[in-house]
Amino acid sequence: MSKNSLVVNKLYLELPLFKQALIHKSVSSDQNNERLEFLGDAVLEIVVSEYLFNRFEELDEGKLTQMRASLVNTQSLAEVFQQLDCKDLLQTSKGTKKLDETHKISIYAGTLEACIGAIFIELGLEESKGFILQLFQNSFSLLNESSELKDAKSRLQEALQAIGTEPPKYSVVSNKEGNYFDCTVTFNGKTFQASASIKKESEQKVAELVLLELDRS
């Protein structure tokens, strides 16, 4: 085990829903982690929001939103998931396993959210809160009131302006109920897609994926 691994409580590994949280939709169309991901996304946002609200009493909602976005985004969640000592339990199809890491980032991030959702359902809010605070302990320690934070779309726009490229167009489609959004961006001949329960968040997630592509090129 890597010295940077985050140790997951063995109790969690025995929970039926935690096991389901580690099943990607490419393996099963009905017994997968998508619903748990939806729930975990909401739990994660409220726990991180509460932490920031209580810690930084002098900051306005704009700065708090930027801080939250710097912590809760596709790239950072994927990095956290890859530190979990149970990451190798993730089940995907053979075809999905062969995808390059750029395309797996959203899978890792979604799986982490699904794990949080599973703990919330099985053990309650306080347990899931403790799990989240453990996951982000190092990230929290790096935050301070003077941190210069920009969201993913802003960082992407600045990066593209620096190389003389126009920012991509974000195509967002909602489900029939209007409570879930799919965002798609085409950049450098590649298509990037992400989903979220908030339109702006789906755009931020896609921007993170494009930023990752820029870093690799």
N, C-alpha and C. Protein backbone atom coordinates (compact mmCIF):
# COMPACT_ATOMS: atom_id res chain seq x y z
N MET A 1 0.83 -1.19 0.00
CA MET A 1 0.00 0.00 0.00
C MET A 1 0.87 1.25 0.00
N SER A 2 0.51 2.23 -0.84
CA SER A 2 1.26 3.47 -0.90
C SER A 2 1.12 4.25 0.40
N LYS A 3 2.19 4.95 0.77
CA LYS A 3 2.15 5.74 1.98
C LYS A 3 1.14 6.88 1.87
N ASN A 4 0.70 7.20 0.62
CA ASN A 4 -0.28 8.25 0.40
C ASN A 4 -1.71 7.73 0.35
N SER A 5 -1.87 6.41 0.58
CA SER A 5 -3.19 5.81 0.49
C SER A 5 -4.09 6.31 1.62
N LEU A 6 -5.37 6.47 1.29
CA LEU A 6 -6.39 6.78 2.28
C LEU A 6 -7.05 5.47 2.67
N VAL A 7 -6.98 5.14 3.94
CA VAL A 7 -7.49 3.86 4.42
C VAL A 7 -9.00 3.94 4.63
N VAL A 8 -9.73 3.04 4.00
CA VAL A 8 -11.18 2.98 4.12
C VAL A 8 -11.55 2.00 5.24
N ASN A 9 -12.45 2.41 6.10
CA ASN A 9 -12.94 1.56 7.18
C ASN A 9 -13.40 0.21 6.61
N LYS A 10 -12.89 -0.89 7.17
CA LYS A 10 -13.24 -2.22 6.67
C LYS A 10 -14.74 -2.48 6.76
N LEU A 11 -15.40 -1.80 7.70
CA LEU A 11 -16.85 -1.94 7.83
C LEU A 11 -17.54 -1.52 6.54
N TYR A 12 -17.04 -0.47 5.91
CA TYR A 12 -17.66 0.03 4.69
C TYR A 12 -17.63 -1.04 3.59
N LEU A 13 -16.54 -1.77 3.51
CA LEU A 13 -16.36 -2.75 2.44
C LEU A 13 -17.38 -3.89 2.51
N GLU A 14 -17.98 -4.06 3.68
CA GLU A 14 -18.98 -5.11 3.85
C GLU A 14 -20.40 -4.63 3.58
N LEU A 15 -20.57 -3.34 3.41
CA LEU A 15 -21.90 -2.78 3.17
C LEU A 15 -22.36 -3.09 1.75
N PRO A 16 -23.57 -3.63 1.58
CA PRO A 16 -24.06 -3.95 0.23
C PRO A 16 -24.03 -2.76 -0.72
N LEU A 17 -24.44 -1.60 -0.24
CA LEU A 17 -24.47 -0.44 -1.13
C LEU A 17 -23.08 0.10 -1.43
N PHE A 18 -22.14 -0.08 -0.51
CA PHE A 18 -20.76 0.34 -0.80
C PHE A 18 -20.18 -0.54 -1.90
N LYS A 19 -20.51 -1.83 -1.86
CA LYS A 19 -20.07 -2.73 -2.92
C LYS A 19 -20.67 -2.31 -4.25
N GLN A 20 -21.96 -1.90 -4.22
CA GLN A 20 -22.61 -1.45 -5.45
C GLN A 20 -21.99 -0.14 -5.95
N ALA A 21 -21.51 0.69 -5.02
CA ALA A 21 -20.90 1.97 -5.39
C ALA A 21 -19.65 1.77 -6.25
N LEU A 22 -19.08 0.59 -6.18
CA LEU A 22 -17.86 0.29 -6.93
C LEU A 22 -18.15 -0.44 -8.25
N ILE A 23 -19.43 -0.42 -8.66
CA ILE A 23 -19.81 -1.07 -9.92
C ILE A 23 -20.19 0.00 -10.94
N HIS A 24 -19.41 0.13 -11.98
CA HIS A 24 -19.67 1.11 -13.03
C HIS A 24 -20.79 0.62 -13.95
N LYS A 25 -21.48 1.56 -14.58
CA LYS A 25 -22.61 1.21 -15.45
C LYS A 25 -22.22 0.34 -16.63
N SER A 26 -20.92 0.33 -16.99
CA SER A 26 -20.48 -0.51 -18.10
C SER A 26 -20.54 -1.99 -17.74
N VAL A 27 -20.65 -2.29 -16.45
CA VAL A 27 -20.73 -3.68 -16.00
C VAL A 27 -22.18 -4.14 -15.90
N SER A 28 -23.05 -3.25 -15.40
CA SER A 28 -24.45 -3.60 -15.21
C SER A 28 -25.32 -2.38 -15.48
N SER A 29 -26.40 -2.58 -16.22
CA SER A 29 -27.29 -1.47 -16.55
C SER A 29 -28.25 -1.13 -15.43
N ASP A 30 -28.46 -2.07 -14.49
CA ASP A 30 -29.40 -1.80 -13.40
C ASP A 30 -28.74 -1.80 -12.02
N GLN A 31 -27.78 -2.68 -11.79
CA GLN A 31 -27.09 -2.73 -10.50
C GLN A 31 -25.75 -2.01 -10.61
N ASN A 32 -25.81 -0.68 -10.71
CA ASN A 32 -24.59 0.10 -10.83
C ASN A 32 -24.61 1.26 -9.84
N ASN A 33 -23.64 2.15 -9.95
CA ASN A 33 -23.47 3.19 -8.93
C ASN A 33 -24.06 4.55 -9.29
N GLU A 34 -24.82 4.64 -10.37
CA GLU A 34 -25.24 5.96 -10.84
C GLU A 34 -26.18 6.67 -9.86
N ARG A 35 -27.15 5.96 -9.30
CA ARG A 35 -28.08 6.59 -8.34
C ARG A 35 -27.33 7.00 -7.07
N LEU A 36 -26.41 6.16 -6.64
CA LEU A 36 -25.61 6.50 -5.46
C LEU A 36 -24.72 7.71 -5.73
N GLU A 37 -24.22 7.81 -6.94
CA GLU A 37 -23.42 8.98 -7.33
C GLU A 37 -24.24 10.25 -7.23
N PHE A 38 -25.48 10.20 -7.70
CA PHE A 38 -26.39 11.34 -7.64
C PHE A 38 -26.57 11.80 -6.20
N LEU A 39 -26.78 10.86 -5.30
CA LEU A 39 -26.98 11.20 -3.89
C LEU A 39 -25.69 11.68 -3.24
N GLY A 40 -24.61 10.98 -3.52
CA GLY A 40 -23.33 11.34 -2.91
C GLY A 40 -22.86 12.72 -3.31
N ASP A 41 -23.17 13.13 -4.53
CA ASP A 41 -22.83 14.46 -5.01
C ASP A 41 -23.46 15.53 -4.10
N ALA A 42 -24.72 15.32 -3.74
CA ALA A 42 -25.43 16.28 -2.89
C ALA A 42 -24.89 16.27 -1.46
N VAL A 43 -24.61 15.09 -0.93
CA VAL A 43 -24.08 14.98 0.43
C VAL A 43 -22.71 15.65 0.51
N LEU A 44 -21.87 15.38 -0.47
CA LEU A 44 -20.54 15.97 -0.51
C LEU A 44 -20.61 17.49 -0.53
N GLU A 45 -21.49 18.02 -1.34
CA GLU A 45 -21.60 19.48 -1.47
C GLU A 45 -22.04 20.12 -0.16
N ILE A 46 -23.01 19.53 0.53
CA ILE A 46 -23.50 20.14 1.77
C ILE A 46 -22.46 20.04 2.88
N VAL A 47 -21.72 18.93 2.95
CA VAL A 47 -20.71 18.77 4.00
C VAL A 47 -19.56 19.75 3.79
N VAL A 48 -19.07 19.85 2.57
CA VAL A 48 -17.98 20.78 2.28
C VAL A 48 -18.45 22.22 2.47
N SER A 49 -19.67 22.51 2.05
CA SER A 49 -20.22 23.86 2.22
C SER A 49 -20.31 24.23 3.70
N GLU A 50 -20.78 23.29 4.51
CA GLU A 50 -20.89 23.56 5.95
C GLU A 50 -19.52 23.81 6.57
N TYR A 51 -18.55 22.99 6.17
CA TYR A 51 -17.19 23.15 6.71
C TYR A 51 -16.65 24.54 6.38
N LEU A 52 -16.78 24.95 5.13
CA LEU A 52 -16.26 26.25 4.71
C LEU A 52 -17.02 27.39 5.37
N PHE A 53 -18.33 27.23 5.49
CA PHE A 53 -19.17 28.26 6.12
C PHE A 53 -18.74 28.50 7.56
N ASN A 54 -18.48 27.43 8.28
CA ASN A 54 -18.11 27.54 9.70
C ASN A 54 -16.67 28.00 9.89
N ARG A 55 -15.79 27.60 9.00
CA ARG A 55 -14.37 27.95 9.17
C ARG A 55 -14.06 29.38 8.74
N PHE A 56 -14.65 29.81 7.65
CA PHE A 56 -14.32 31.13 7.11
C PHE A 56 -15.50 32.08 7.30
N GLU A 57 -15.66 32.56 8.52
CA GLU A 57 -16.82 33.38 8.87
C GLU A 57 -16.83 34.74 8.19
N GLU A 58 -15.67 35.22 7.77
CA GLU A 58 -15.58 36.57 7.19
C GLU A 58 -15.76 36.58 5.67
N LEU A 59 -15.79 35.42 5.05
CA LEU A 59 -15.86 35.38 3.59
C LEU A 59 -17.30 35.41 3.08
N ASP A 60 -17.51 36.08 1.93
CA ASP A 60 -18.85 36.13 1.35
C ASP A 60 -19.11 34.85 0.54
N GLU A 61 -20.35 34.75 0.03
CA GLU A 61 -20.75 33.51 -0.65
C GLU A 61 -19.97 33.29 -1.94
N GLY A 62 -19.53 34.39 -2.59
CA GLY A 62 -18.76 34.24 -3.81
C GLY A 62 -17.43 33.55 -3.58
N LYS A 63 -16.72 33.99 -2.56
CA LYS A 63 -15.42 33.39 -2.23
C LYS A 63 -15.60 31.96 -1.74
N LEU A 64 -16.64 31.72 -0.94
CA LEU A 64 -16.90 30.36 -0.45
C LEU A 64 -17.22 29.42 -1.62
N THR A 65 -17.94 29.94 -2.60
CA THR A 65 -18.27 29.13 -3.78
C THR A 65 -17.00 28.76 -4.55
N GLN A 66 -16.10 29.71 -4.67
CA GLN A 66 -14.83 29.44 -5.36
C GLN A 66 -14.02 28.39 -4.59
N MET A 67 -14.00 28.52 -3.28
CA MET A 67 -13.26 27.54 -2.47
C MET A 67 -13.85 26.15 -2.66
N ARG A 68 -15.18 26.08 -2.61
CA ARG A 68 -15.82 24.77 -2.77
C ARG A 68 -15.51 24.18 -4.13
N ALA A 69 -15.54 25.01 -5.17
CA ALA A 69 -15.26 24.53 -6.52
C ALA A 69 -13.83 24.04 -6.66
N SER A 70 -12.91 24.63 -5.89
CA SER A 70 -11.52 24.20 -5.94
C SER A 70 -11.33 22.83 -5.30
N LEU A 71 -12.26 22.47 -4.42
CA LEU A 71 -12.19 21.18 -3.72
C LEU A 71 -13.04 20.12 -4.40
N VAL A 72 -14.25 20.51 -4.77
CA VAL A 72 -15.21 19.56 -5.32
C VAL A 72 -15.31 19.76 -6.83
N ASN A 73 -14.44 19.11 -7.56
CA ASN A 73 -14.46 19.13 -9.01
C ASN A 73 -13.99 17.77 -9.51
N THR A 74 -14.24 17.51 -10.77
CA THR A 74 -13.96 16.19 -11.32
C THR A 74 -12.52 15.75 -11.11
N GLN A 75 -11.59 16.64 -11.38
CA GLN A 75 -10.18 16.30 -11.26
C GLN A 75 -9.79 15.97 -9.83
N SER A 76 -10.19 16.84 -8.88
CA SER A 76 -9.78 16.63 -7.49
C SER A 76 -10.44 15.38 -6.90
N LEU A 77 -11.71 15.14 -7.25
CA LEU A 77 -12.39 13.95 -6.74
C LEU A 77 -11.75 12.68 -7.29
N ALA A 78 -11.36 12.73 -8.56
CA ALA A 78 -10.68 11.57 -9.16
C ALA A 78 -9.36 11.29 -8.45
N GLU A 79 -8.63 12.34 -8.14
CA GLU A 79 -7.35 12.18 -7.44
C GLU A 79 -7.56 11.58 -6.06
N VAL A 80 -8.61 12.02 -5.37
CA VAL A 80 -8.89 11.47 -4.04
C VAL A 80 -9.25 9.99 -4.16
N PHE A 81 -10.10 9.66 -5.13
CA PHE A 81 -10.49 8.25 -5.29
C PHE A 81 -9.28 7.37 -5.53
N GLN A 82 -8.35 7.85 -6.33
CA GLN A 82 -7.17 7.05 -6.65
C GLN A 82 -6.24 6.85 -5.46
N GLN A 83 -6.48 7.62 -4.39
CA GLN A 83 -5.70 7.43 -3.17
C GLN A 83 -6.34 6.40 -2.23
N LEU A 84 -7.60 6.04 -2.49
CA LEU A 84 -8.29 5.08 -1.62
C LEU A 84 -7.64 3.71 -1.72
N ASP A 85 -7.51 3.05 -0.59
CA ASP A 85 -6.88 1.72 -0.62
C ASP A 85 -7.80 0.66 -1.21
N CYS A 86 -9.06 1.04 -1.51
CA CYS A 86 -9.99 0.09 -2.12
C CYS A 86 -10.24 0.40 -3.60
N LYS A 87 -9.44 1.29 -4.18
CA LYS A 87 -9.66 1.71 -5.57
C LYS A 87 -9.62 0.55 -6.56
N ASP A 88 -8.83 -0.48 -6.23
CA ASP A 88 -8.70 -1.61 -7.15
C ASP A 88 -9.96 -2.49 -7.17
N LEU A 89 -10.92 -2.20 -6.30
CA LEU A 89 -12.17 -2.95 -6.27
C LEU A 89 -13.19 -2.41 -7.27
N LEU A 90 -12.88 -1.29 -7.90
CA LEU A 90 -13.78 -0.71 -8.89
C LEU A 90 -13.98 -1.70 -10.05
N GLN A 91 -15.24 -1.95 -10.37
CA GLN A 91 -15.57 -2.89 -11.45
C GLN A 91 -16.03 -2.12 -12.69
N THR A 92 -15.33 -2.32 -13.78
CA THR A 92 -15.72 -1.75 -15.07
C THR A 92 -15.62 -2.84 -16.13
N SER A 93 -16.21 -2.58 -17.28
CA SER A 93 -16.11 -3.55 -18.38
C SER A 93 -14.68 -3.57 -18.93
N LYS A 94 -14.37 -4.60 -19.68
CA LYS A 94 -13.04 -4.71 -20.28
C LYS A 94 -12.76 -3.52 -21.21
N GLY A 95 -13.80 -3.11 -21.93
CA GLY A 95 -13.63 -1.99 -22.84
C GLY A 95 -13.34 -0.70 -22.11
N THR A 96 -14.02 -0.50 -20.99
CA THR A 96 -13.81 0.71 -20.19
C THR A 96 -12.41 0.71 -19.58
N LYS A 97 -11.94 -0.45 -19.17
CA LYS A 97 -10.59 -0.55 -18.60
C LYS A 97 -9.53 -0.09 -19.60
N LYS A 98 -9.81 -0.26 -20.89
CA LYS A 98 -8.83 0.06 -21.93
C LYS A 98 -8.82 1.55 -22.29
N LEU A 99 -9.78 2.31 -21.78
CA LEU A 99 -9.82 3.74 -22.07
C LEU A 99 -8.59 4.42 -21.49
N ASP A 100 -8.17 5.53 -22.12
CA ASP A 100 -7.05 6.26 -21.54
C ASP A 100 -7.50 6.97 -20.27
N GLU A 101 -6.55 7.42 -19.47
CA GLU A 101 -6.86 7.96 -18.16
C GLU A 101 -7.74 9.22 -18.24
N THR A 102 -7.63 9.97 -19.34
CA THR A 102 -8.46 11.17 -19.49
C THR A 102 -9.94 10.82 -19.41
N HIS A 103 -10.32 9.72 -20.03
CA HIS A 103 -11.72 9.31 -20.04
C HIS A 103 -12.14 8.61 -18.75
N LYS A 104 -11.18 8.20 -17.95
CA LYS A 104 -11.51 7.53 -16.69
C LYS A 104 -11.68 8.51 -15.53
N ILE A 105 -11.24 9.77 -15.72
CA ILE A 105 -11.30 10.74 -14.64
C ILE A 105 -12.72 10.89 -14.11
N SER A 106 -13.69 11.03 -15.00
CA SER A 106 -15.07 11.21 -14.55
C SER A 106 -15.61 9.94 -13.89
N ILE A 107 -15.11 8.78 -14.30
CA ILE A 107 -15.53 7.52 -13.67
C ILE A 107 -15.02 7.47 -12.23
N TYR A 108 -13.76 7.83 -12.03
CA TYR A 108 -13.20 7.84 -10.68
C TYR A 108 -13.94 8.83 -9.78
N ALA A 109 -14.19 10.02 -10.31
CA ALA A 109 -14.87 11.04 -9.52
C ALA A 109 -16.28 10.59 -9.15
N GLY A 110 -16.99 10.03 -10.12
CA GLY A 110 -18.34 9.56 -9.86
C GLY A 110 -18.38 8.41 -8.86
N THR A 111 -17.39 7.55 -8.92
CA THR A 111 -17.33 6.43 -7.98
C THR A 111 -17.12 6.92 -6.55
N LEU A 112 -16.28 7.92 -6.38
CA LEU A 112 -16.08 8.48 -5.05
C LEU A 112 -17.39 9.04 -4.51
N GLU A 113 -18.12 9.76 -5.34
CA GLU A 113 -19.42 10.30 -4.92
C GLU A 113 -20.38 9.17 -4.58
N ALA A 114 -20.34 8.09 -5.35
CA ALA A 114 -21.21 6.94 -5.08
C ALA A 114 -20.87 6.30 -3.73
N CYS A 115 -19.59 6.23 -3.41
CA CYS A 115 -19.16 5.68 -2.12
C CYS A 115 -19.71 6.52 -0.98
N ILE A 116 -19.68 7.83 -1.15
CA ILE A 116 -20.22 8.74 -0.13
C ILE A 116 -21.73 8.52 0.00
N GLY A 117 -22.41 8.38 -1.13
CA GLY A 117 -23.85 8.14 -1.10
C GLY A 117 -24.19 6.83 -0.40
N ALA A 118 -23.38 5.81 -0.62
CA ALA A 118 -23.62 4.51 0.01
C ALA A 118 -23.47 4.60 1.53
N ILE A 119 -22.43 5.27 1.98
CA ILE A 119 -22.20 5.43 3.42
C ILE A 119 -23.34 6.23 4.05
N PHE A 120 -23.81 7.25 3.34
CA PHE A 120 -24.92 8.06 3.84
C PHE A 120 -26.17 7.21 4.06
N ILE A 121 -26.51 6.39 3.08
CA ILE A 121 -27.72 5.55 3.18
C ILE A 121 -27.56 4.47 4.24
N GLU A 122 -26.40 3.82 4.26
CA GLU A 122 -26.19 2.69 5.16
C GLU A 122 -25.94 3.11 6.61
N LEU A 123 -25.20 4.20 6.81
CA LEU A 123 -24.74 4.55 8.16
C LEU A 123 -25.14 5.95 8.63
N GLY A 124 -25.69 6.75 7.74
CA GLY A 124 -26.19 8.06 8.15
C GLY A 124 -25.27 9.22 7.84
N LEU A 125 -25.80 10.43 8.10
CA LEU A 125 -25.09 11.66 7.74
C LEU A 125 -23.79 11.83 8.51
N GLU A 126 -23.79 11.58 9.81
CA GLU A 126 -22.59 11.83 10.60
C GLU A 126 -21.42 10.95 10.15
N GLU A 127 -21.71 9.71 9.81
CA GLU A 127 -20.65 8.80 9.34
C GLU A 127 -20.12 9.26 7.99
N SER A 128 -21.02 9.62 7.09
CA SER A 128 -20.58 10.09 5.78
C SER A 128 -19.83 11.41 5.91
N LYS A 129 -20.23 12.25 6.85
CA LYS A 129 -19.53 13.51 7.09
C LYS A 129 -18.10 13.24 7.55
N GLY A 130 -17.95 12.29 8.48
CA GLY A 130 -16.62 11.94 8.95
C GLY A 130 -15.73 11.41 7.84
N PHE A 131 -16.32 10.63 6.96
CA PHE A 131 -15.58 10.08 5.81
C PHE A 131 -15.11 11.20 4.90
N ILE A 132 -15.98 12.15 4.60
CA ILE A 132 -15.64 13.27 3.72
C ILE A 132 -14.54 14.14 4.34
N LEU A 133 -14.67 14.44 5.62
CA LEU A 133 -13.66 15.27 6.29
C LEU A 133 -12.30 14.58 6.29
N GLN A 134 -12.30 13.26 6.39
CA GLN A 134 -11.05 12.51 6.30
C GLN A 134 -10.45 12.63 4.90
N LEU A 135 -11.30 12.49 3.88
CA LEU A 135 -10.84 12.54 2.50
C LEU A 135 -10.18 13.87 2.16
N PHE A 136 -10.74 14.95 2.69
CA PHE A 136 -10.29 16.29 2.31
C PHE A 136 -9.42 16.96 3.37
N GLN A 137 -8.97 16.20 4.34
CA GLN A 137 -8.17 16.77 5.42
C GLN A 137 -6.97 17.56 4.91
N ASN A 138 -6.21 16.97 3.99
CA ASN A 138 -5.03 17.65 3.46
C ASN A 138 -5.41 18.88 2.64
N SER A 139 -6.45 18.75 1.83
CA SER A 139 -6.89 19.88 1.01
C SER A 139 -7.38 21.03 1.87
N PHE A 140 -8.10 20.71 2.94
CA PHE A 140 -8.59 21.75 3.85
C PHE A 140 -7.43 22.50 4.49
N SER A 141 -6.37 21.77 4.81
CA SER A 141 -5.24 22.39 5.52
C SER A 141 -4.52 23.42 4.65
N LEU A 142 -4.69 23.33 3.33
CA LEU A 142 -4.01 24.25 2.42
C LEU A 142 -4.81 25.52 2.16
N LEU A 143 -6.06 25.54 2.62
CA LEU A 143 -6.92 26.70 2.37
C LEU A 143 -6.66 27.81 3.36
N ASN A 144 -6.74 29.04 2.89
CA ASN A 144 -6.73 30.19 3.78
C ASN A 144 -7.53 31.31 3.12
N GLU A 145 -7.84 32.34 3.88
CA GLU A 145 -8.74 33.38 3.40
C GLU A 145 -8.17 34.15 2.22
N SER A 146 -6.86 34.16 2.07
CA SER A 146 -6.25 34.92 0.98
C SER A 146 -5.97 34.07 -0.26
N SER A 147 -6.41 32.81 -0.23
CA SER A 147 -6.17 31.93 -1.38
C SER A 147 -6.77 32.52 -2.64
N GLU A 148 -5.98 32.52 -3.72
CA GLU A 148 -6.48 32.98 -5.01
C GLU A 148 -7.11 31.80 -5.73
N LEU A 149 -8.42 31.82 -5.84
CA LEU A 149 -9.14 30.69 -6.40
C LEU A 149 -9.98 31.11 -7.60
N LYS A 150 -9.93 30.32 -8.64
CA LYS A 150 -10.76 30.56 -9.81
C LYS A 150 -11.41 29.25 -10.20
N ASP A 151 -12.64 29.35 -10.72
CA ASP A 151 -13.32 28.12 -11.10
C ASP A 151 -12.72 27.58 -12.40
N ALA A 152 -13.13 26.36 -12.74
CA ALA A 152 -12.53 25.66 -13.88
C ALA A 152 -12.76 26.40 -15.20
N LYS A 153 -13.96 26.94 -15.40
CA LYS A 153 -14.25 27.64 -16.65
C LYS A 153 -13.37 28.88 -16.80
N SER A 154 -13.15 29.59 -15.71
CA SER A 154 -12.29 30.78 -15.75
C SER A 154 -10.85 30.39 -16.05
N ARG A 155 -10.37 29.32 -15.39
CA ARG A 155 -9.00 28.87 -15.61
C ARG A 155 -8.81 28.38 -17.04
N LEU A 156 -9.82 27.70 -17.57
CA LEU A 156 -9.74 27.21 -18.95
C LEU A 156 -9.71 28.38 -19.93
N GLN A 157 -10.56 29.37 -19.70
CA GLN A 157 -10.59 30.52 -20.59
C GLN A 157 -9.25 31.24 -20.61
N GLU A 158 -8.65 31.41 -19.44
CA GLU A 158 -7.35 32.08 -19.36
C GLU A 158 -6.27 31.26 -20.06
N ALA A 159 -6.31 29.94 -19.87
CA ALA A 159 -5.31 29.07 -20.49
C ALA A 159 -5.41 29.11 -22.01
N LEU A 160 -6.64 29.14 -22.53
CA LEU A 160 -6.82 29.17 -23.98
C LEU A 160 -6.48 30.54 -24.56
N GLN A 161 -6.80 31.59 -23.82
CA GLN A 161 -6.43 32.93 -24.28
C GLN A 161 -4.91 33.06 -24.40
N ALA A 162 -4.21 32.40 -23.47
CA ALA A 162 -2.75 32.48 -23.47
C ALA A 162 -2.13 31.85 -24.71
N ILE A 163 -2.85 30.90 -25.33
CA ILE A 163 -2.32 30.26 -26.53
C ILE A 163 -3.09 30.70 -27.78
N GLY A 164 -3.92 31.73 -27.61
CA GLY A 164 -4.63 32.30 -28.75
C GLY A 164 -5.77 31.47 -29.28
N THR A 165 -6.42 30.70 -28.40
CA THR A 165 -7.53 29.84 -28.81
C THR A 165 -8.82 30.31 -28.16
N GLU A 166 -9.90 30.29 -28.94
CA GLU A 166 -11.20 30.69 -28.41
C GLU A 166 -11.71 29.63 -27.43
N PRO A 167 -12.41 30.07 -26.35
CA PRO A 167 -12.98 29.08 -25.42
C PRO A 167 -14.04 28.23 -26.10
N PRO A 168 -14.21 26.99 -25.70
CA PRO A 168 -15.19 26.10 -26.35
C PRO A 168 -16.62 26.50 -26.00
N LYS A 169 -17.55 26.02 -26.79
CA LYS A 169 -18.96 26.25 -26.51
C LYS A 169 -19.50 25.08 -25.68
N TYR A 170 -20.22 25.41 -24.62
CA TYR A 170 -20.76 24.39 -23.73
C TYR A 170 -22.19 24.07 -24.16
N SER A 171 -22.41 22.83 -24.54
CA SER A 171 -23.75 22.39 -24.93
C SER A 171 -24.37 21.61 -23.77
N VAL A 172 -25.44 22.15 -23.20
CA VAL A 172 -26.06 21.55 -22.02
C VAL A 172 -27.48 21.11 -22.33
N VAL A 173 -27.79 19.87 -21.99
CA VAL A 173 -29.13 19.31 -22.19
C VAL A 173 -29.62 18.78 -20.85
N SER A 174 -30.86 19.14 -20.49
CA SER A 174 -31.42 18.66 -19.22
C SER A 174 -32.33 17.47 -19.46
N ASN A 175 -32.58 16.73 -18.40
CA ASN A 175 -33.55 15.65 -18.50
C ASN A 175 -34.97 16.23 -18.51
N LYS A 176 -35.95 15.39 -18.66
CA LYS A 176 -37.34 15.86 -18.79
C LYS A 176 -37.80 16.63 -17.56
N GLU A 177 -37.32 16.20 -16.38
CA GLU A 177 -37.71 16.87 -15.15
C GLU A 177 -36.96 18.18 -14.92
N GLY A 178 -35.88 18.38 -15.65
CA GLY A 178 -35.11 19.60 -15.51
C GLY A 178 -34.27 19.64 -14.25
N ASN A 179 -33.97 18.47 -13.67
CA ASN A 179 -33.18 18.46 -12.43
C ASN A 179 -31.84 17.73 -12.60
N TYR A 180 -31.46 17.45 -13.85
CA TYR A 180 -30.16 16.83 -14.11
C TYR A 180 -29.69 17.30 -15.48
N PHE A 181 -28.40 17.60 -15.59
CA PHE A 181 -27.89 18.24 -16.79
C PHE A 181 -26.66 17.51 -17.33
N ASP A 182 -26.65 17.31 -18.64
CA ASP A 182 -25.51 16.74 -19.35
C ASP A 182 -24.85 17.85 -20.16
N CYS A 183 -23.56 18.05 -19.94
CA CYS A 183 -22.82 19.08 -20.68
C CYS A 183 -21.79 18.41 -21.58
N THR A 184 -21.70 18.88 -22.81
CA THR A 184 -20.76 18.33 -23.78
C THR A 184 -19.95 19.45 -24.42
N VAL A 185 -18.66 19.21 -24.57
CA VAL A 185 -17.77 20.17 -25.22
C VAL A 185 -16.89 19.40 -26.20
N THR A 186 -16.71 19.96 -27.39
CA THR A 186 -15.78 19.39 -28.36
C THR A 186 -14.56 20.30 -28.44
N PHE A 187 -13.39 19.70 -28.22
CA PHE A 187 -12.16 20.48 -28.20
C PHE A 187 -11.03 19.65 -28.79
N ASN A 188 -10.31 20.22 -29.73
CA ASN A 188 -9.19 19.52 -30.38
C ASN A 188 -9.61 18.17 -30.94
N GLY A 189 -10.81 18.12 -31.49
CA GLY A 189 -11.28 16.89 -32.11
C GLY A 189 -11.77 15.84 -31.14
N LYS A 190 -11.79 16.15 -29.85
CA LYS A 190 -12.25 15.20 -28.85
C LYS A 190 -13.52 15.73 -28.18
N THR A 191 -14.37 14.83 -27.74
CA THR A 191 -15.60 15.20 -27.06
C THR A 191 -15.48 14.90 -25.57
N PHE A 192 -15.84 15.88 -24.76
CA PHE A 192 -15.79 15.74 -23.31
C PHE A 192 -17.20 15.91 -22.76
N GLN A 193 -17.58 15.02 -21.84
CA GLN A 193 -18.95 15.04 -21.33
C GLN A 193 -18.96 14.84 -19.82
N ALA A 194 -19.86 15.54 -19.14
CA ALA A 194 -20.03 15.37 -17.70
C ALA A 194 -21.45 15.74 -17.32
N SER A 195 -21.91 15.22 -16.19
CA SER A 195 -23.28 15.46 -15.75
C SER A 195 -23.31 15.93 -14.30
N ALA A 196 -24.36 16.66 -13.96
CA ALA A 196 -24.53 17.14 -12.59
C ALA A 196 -25.98 17.56 -12.39
N SER A 197 -26.37 17.72 -11.14
CA SER A 197 -27.74 18.13 -10.83
C SER A 197 -27.91 19.64 -10.98
N ILE A 198 -26.81 20.36 -11.18
CA ILE A 198 -26.84 21.81 -11.39
C ILE A 198 -26.16 22.10 -12.73
N LYS A 199 -26.79 22.94 -13.55
CA LYS A 199 -26.27 23.23 -14.88
C LYS A 199 -24.83 23.75 -14.83
N LYS A 200 -24.58 24.74 -13.99
CA LYS A 200 -23.25 25.34 -13.91
C LYS A 200 -22.21 24.33 -13.49
N GLU A 201 -22.60 23.39 -12.61
CA GLU A 201 -21.65 22.39 -12.15
C GLU A 201 -21.28 21.43 -13.28
N SER A 202 -22.24 21.10 -14.13
CA SER A 202 -21.93 20.21 -15.26
C SER A 202 -20.92 20.89 -16.20
N GLU A 203 -21.06 22.20 -16.37
CA GLU A 203 -20.10 22.94 -17.21
C GLU A 203 -18.72 22.96 -16.56
N GLN A 204 -18.69 23.15 -15.23
CA GLN A 204 -17.41 23.18 -14.52
C GLN A 204 -16.70 21.83 -14.64
N LYS A 205 -17.47 20.75 -14.55
CA LYS A 205 -16.88 19.42 -14.63
C LYS A 205 -16.25 19.18 -16.01
N VAL A 206 -16.93 19.62 -17.05
CA VAL A 206 -16.40 19.47 -18.39
C VAL A 206 -15.15 20.32 -18.57
N ALA A 207 -15.18 21.55 -18.04
CA ALA A 207 -14.01 22.43 -18.13
C ALA A 207 -12.80 21.77 -17.47
N GLU A 208 -13.01 21.09 -16.36
CA GLU A 208 -11.92 20.38 -15.69
C GLU A 208 -11.32 19.31 -16.61
N LEU A 209 -12.17 18.61 -17.35
CA LEU A 209 -11.69 17.55 -18.25
C LEU A 209 -10.86 18.16 -19.39
N VAL A 210 -11.31 19.30 -19.91
CA VAL A 210 -10.56 19.95 -20.99
C VAL A 210 -9.22 20.47 -20.46
N LEU A 211 -9.22 21.01 -19.24
CA LEU A 211 -7.97 21.46 -18.62
C LEU A 211 -6.99 20.30 -18.48
N LEU A 212 -7.51 19.15 -18.11
CA LEU A 212 -6.65 17.96 -17.98
C LEU A 212 -6.06 17.59 -19.34
N GLU A 213 -6.86 17.70 -20.38
CA GLU A 213 -6.38 17.42 -21.74
C GLU A 213 -5.28 18.40 -22.14
N LEU A 214 -5.46 19.66 -21.78
CA LEU A 214 -4.43 20.67 -22.08
C LEU A 214 -3.13 20.34 -21.37
N ASP A 215 -3.25 19.90 -20.11
CA ASP A 215 -2.04 19.57 -19.34
C ASP A 215 -1.28 18.41 -19.97
N ARG A 216 -2.02 17.50 -20.61
CA ARG A 216 -1.39 16.32 -21.19
C ARG A 216 -0.76 16.61 -22.54
N SER A 217 -1.24 17.66 -23.22
CA SER A 217 -0.76 17.95 -24.58
C SER A 217 0.52 18.78 -24.56
